[in-house]
Amino acid sequence: MKVVILFLLATTIIGAAAFFGARVAVIVALGILVLALLFGLYLLLALWVRRRRAAELRGEIARTAANRGITDAAARGRLEDLRRNFAKGIEKFEAAGFTTCPGT
């Protein structure tokens, strides 16, 4: 897919050079470069926002821990195991490229 996109960009620039001249081809190439940079910045910003929201959610889960009323050590251990398993699941979910829950 990347090769096809690069090929199309190259043919666009070559076509602009052949039809309009080298000066216009340079302008077209610079325009494409600027658009690519803006798109890259957008993707970075979106990634940063998603990671920040995920960190907020993790902090909220940690702050509102469900074990406040549990005094039994075994029950606390089981709850901590569940919490660790949940965190592992979230990490696997994010490692697979998903950053939001389906349907949200």
C-alpha atoms as a PDB file:
ATOM      1  CA  MET A   1       0.000   0.000   0.000  1.00  0.00           C
ATOM      2  CA  LYS A   2       2.809   2.420   0.845  1.00  0.00           C
ATOM      3  CA  VAL A   3       4.483   1.676  -2.481  1.00  0.00           C
ATOM      4  CA  VAL A   4       1.274   2.499  -4.341  1.00  0.00           C
ATOM      5  CA  ILE A   5       0.922   5.804  -2.487  1.00  0.00           C
ATOM      6  CA  LEU A   6       4.540   6.752  -3.156  1.00  0.00           C
ATOM      7  CA  PHE A   7       4.123   5.786  -6.812  1.00  0.00           C
ATOM      8  CA  LEU A   8       1.012   7.969  -7.126  1.00  0.00           C
ATOM      9  CA  LEU A   9       2.776  10.900  -5.467  1.00  0.00           C
ATOM     10  CA  ALA A  10       5.765  10.539  -7.777  1.00  0.00           C
ATOM     11  CA  THR A  11       3.582  10.374 -10.885  1.00  0.00           C
ATOM     12  CA  THR A  12       1.663  13.438  -9.710  1.00  0.00           C
ATOM     13  CA  ILE A  13       4.863  15.428  -9.346  1.00  0.00           C
ATOM     14  CA  ILE A  14       6.284  14.165 -12.659  1.00  0.00           C
ATOM     15  CA  GLY A  15       2.986  14.890 -14.382  1.00  0.00           C
ATOM     16  CA  ALA A  16       2.918  18.419 -12.988  1.00  0.00           C
ATOM     17  CA  ALA A  17       6.505  18.910 -14.177  1.00  0.00           C
ATOM     18  CA  ALA A  18       5.708  17.618 -17.668  1.00  0.00           C
ATOM     19  CA  PHE A  19       2.477  19.556 -18.049  1.00  0.00           C
ATOM     20  CA  PHE A  20       3.159  22.815 -16.194  1.00  0.00           C
ATOM     21  CA  GLY A  21       6.928  22.926 -15.813  1.00  0.00           C
ATOM     22  CA  ALA A  22       9.497  22.349 -13.093  1.00  0.00           C
ATOM     23  CA  ARG A  23       8.481  25.358 -10.997  1.00  0.00           C
ATOM     24  CA  VAL A  24       4.915  24.119 -10.595  1.00  0.00           C
ATOM     25  CA  ALA A  25       6.175  20.593  -9.872  1.00  0.00           C
ATOM     26  CA  VAL A  26       8.267  21.942  -6.992  1.00  0.00           C
ATOM     27  CA  ILE A  27       5.237  23.802  -5.647  1.00  0.00           C
ATOM     28  CA  VAL A  28       3.120  20.643  -5.893  1.00  0.00           C
ATOM     29  CA  ALA A  29       5.841  18.612  -4.143  1.00  0.00           C
ATOM     30  CA  LEU A  30       6.085  21.185  -1.344  1.00  0.00           C
ATOM     31  CA  GLY A  31       2.296  21.184  -0.983  1.00  0.00           C
ATOM     32  CA  ILE A  32       2.251  17.409  -0.683  1.00  0.00           C
ATOM     33  CA  LEU A  33       5.050  17.558   1.880  1.00  0.00           C
ATOM     34  CA  VAL A  34       3.200  20.162   3.952  1.00  0.00           C
ATOM     35  CA  LEU A  35       0.005  18.083   3.860  1.00  0.00           C
ATOM     36  CA  ALA A  36       1.938  14.981   4.934  1.00  0.00           C
ATOM     37  CA  LEU A  37       3.508  16.886   7.836  1.00  0.00           C
ATOM     38  CA  LEU A  38       0.133  18.244   8.956  1.00  0.00           C
ATOM     39  CA  PHE A  39      -1.380  14.765   8.807  1.00  0.00           C
ATOM     40  CA  GLY A  40       1.547  13.368  10.817  1.00  0.00           C
ATOM     41  CA  LEU A  41       1.108  16.077  13.457  1.00  0.00           C
ATOM     42  CA  TYR A  42      -2.595  15.263  13.641  1.00  0.00           C
ATOM     43  CA  LEU A  43      -1.847  11.572  14.175  1.00  0.00           C
ATOM     44  CA  LEU A  44       0.687  12.381  16.904  1.00  0.00           C
ATOM     45  CA  LEU A  45      -1.796  14.666  18.643  1.00  0.00           C
ATOM     46  CA  ALA A  46      -4.523  12.016  18.470  1.00  0.00           C
ATOM     47  CA  LEU A  47      -2.129   9.399  19.892  1.00  0.00           C
ATOM     48  CA  TRP A  48      -1.104  11.752  22.704  1.00  0.00           C
ATOM     49  CA  VAL A  49      -4.749  12.473  23.601  1.00  0.00           C
ATOM     50  CA  ARG A  50      -5.629   8.756  23.633  1.00  0.00           C
ATOM     51  CA  ARG A  51      -2.677   7.908  25.858  1.00  0.00           C
ATOM     52  CA  ARG A  52      -3.533  10.750  28.235  1.00  0.00           C
ATOM     53  CA  ARG A  53      -7.142   9.578  28.500  1.00  0.00           C
ATOM     54  CA  ALA A  54      -5.983   6.006  29.120  1.00  0.00           C
ATOM     55  CA  ALA A  55      -3.651   7.216  31.884  1.00  0.00           C
ATOM     56  CA  GLU A  56      -6.511   9.185  33.443  1.00  0.00           C
ATOM     57  CA  LEU A  57      -8.695   6.076  33.374  1.00  0.00           C
ATOM     58  CA  ARG A  58      -5.970   3.992  35.019  1.00  0.00           C
ATOM     59  CA  GLY A  59      -5.545   6.652  37.699  1.00  0.00           C
ATOM     60  CA  GLU A  60      -9.272   6.778  38.283  1.00  0.00           C
ATOM     61  CA  ILE A  61      -9.413   3.006  38.661  1.00  0.00           C
ATOM     62  CA  ALA A  62      -6.518   3.113  41.123  1.00  0.00           C
ATOM     63  CA  ARG A  63      -8.087   5.973  43.123  1.00  0.00           C
ATOM     64  CA  THR A  64     -11.481   4.342  43.394  1.00  0.00           C
ATOM     65  CA  ALA A  65     -10.092   0.964  44.326  1.00  0.00           C
ATOM     66  CA  ALA A  66     -12.754  -1.514  45.326  1.00  0.00           C
ATOM     67  CA  ASN A  67     -10.751  -2.965  48.214  1.00  0.00           C
ATOM     68  CA  ARG A  68     -11.387  -0.192  50.726  1.00  0.00           C
ATOM     69  CA  GLY A  69     -13.730  -2.310  52.781  1.00  0.00           C
ATOM     70  CA  ILE A  70     -11.830  -5.598  52.471  1.00  0.00           C
ATOM     71  CA  THR A  71      -9.884  -6.558  55.571  1.00  0.00           C
ATOM     72  CA  ASP A  72      -9.223 -10.252  54.852  1.00  0.00           C
ATOM     73  CA  ALA A  73      -5.667 -10.696  53.518  1.00  0.00           C
ATOM     74  CA  ALA A  74      -6.661 -13.562  51.204  1.00  0.00           C
ATOM     75  CA  ALA A  75      -9.492 -11.528  49.704  1.00  0.00           C
ATOM     76  CA  ARG A  76      -7.148  -8.573  49.190  1.00  0.00           C
ATOM     77  CA  GLY A  77      -4.686 -10.886  47.433  1.00  0.00           C
ATOM     78  CA  ARG A  78      -7.398 -12.216  45.119  1.00  0.00           C
ATOM     79  CA  LEU A  79      -8.525  -8.680  44.357  1.00  0.00           C
ATOM     80  CA  GLU A  80      -4.953  -7.615  43.608  1.00  0.00           C
ATOM     81  CA  ASP A  81      -4.599 -10.621  41.247  1.00  0.00           C
ATOM     82  CA  LEU A  82      -7.776  -9.547  39.476  1.00  0.00           C
ATOM     83  CA  ARG A  83      -6.463  -5.997  39.209  1.00  0.00           C
ATOM     84  CA  ARG A  84      -3.154  -7.241  37.720  1.00  0.00           C
ATOM     85  CA  ASN A  85      -4.994  -9.450  35.218  1.00  0.00           C
ATOM     86  CA  PHE A  86      -7.177  -6.514  34.233  1.00  0.00           C
ATOM     87  CA  ALA A  87      -4.092  -4.331  33.699  1.00  0.00           C
ATOM     88  CA  LYS A  88      -2.496  -7.080  31.569  1.00  0.00           C
ATOM     89  CA  GLY A  89      -5.665  -7.276  29.488  1.00  0.00           C
ATOM     90  CA  ILE A  90      -5.641  -3.526  28.929  1.00  0.00           C
ATOM     91  CA  GLU A  91      -1.976  -3.673  27.886  1.00  0.00           C
ATOM     92  CA  LYS A  92      -2.704  -6.494  25.418  1.00  0.00           C
ATOM     93  CA  PHE A  93      -5.685  -4.548  24.092  1.00  0.00           C
ATOM     94  CA  GLU A  94      -3.515  -1.463  23.521  1.00  0.00           C
ATOM     95  CA  ALA A  95      -0.643  -3.532  22.082  1.00  0.00           C
ATOM     96  CA  ALA A  96      -3.062  -4.897  19.485  1.00  0.00           C
ATOM     97  CA  GLY A  97      -3.678  -1.317  18.340  1.00  0.00           C
ATOM     98  CA  PHE A  98      -7.008  -0.718  20.012  1.00  0.00           C
ATOM     99  CA  THR A  99      -7.235   2.445  22.056  1.00  0.00           C
ATOM    100  CA  THR A 100     -10.952   2.700  22.665  1.00  0.00           C
ATOM    101  CA  CYS A 101     -13.595   0.186  23.533  1.00  0.00           C
ATOM    102  CA  PRO A 102     -15.828  -0.961  20.664  1.00  0.00           C
ATOM    103  CA  GLY A 103     -19.011   1.033  20.463  1.00  0.00           C
ATOM    104  CA  THR A 104     -17.575   4.205  22.026  1.00  0.00           C
END
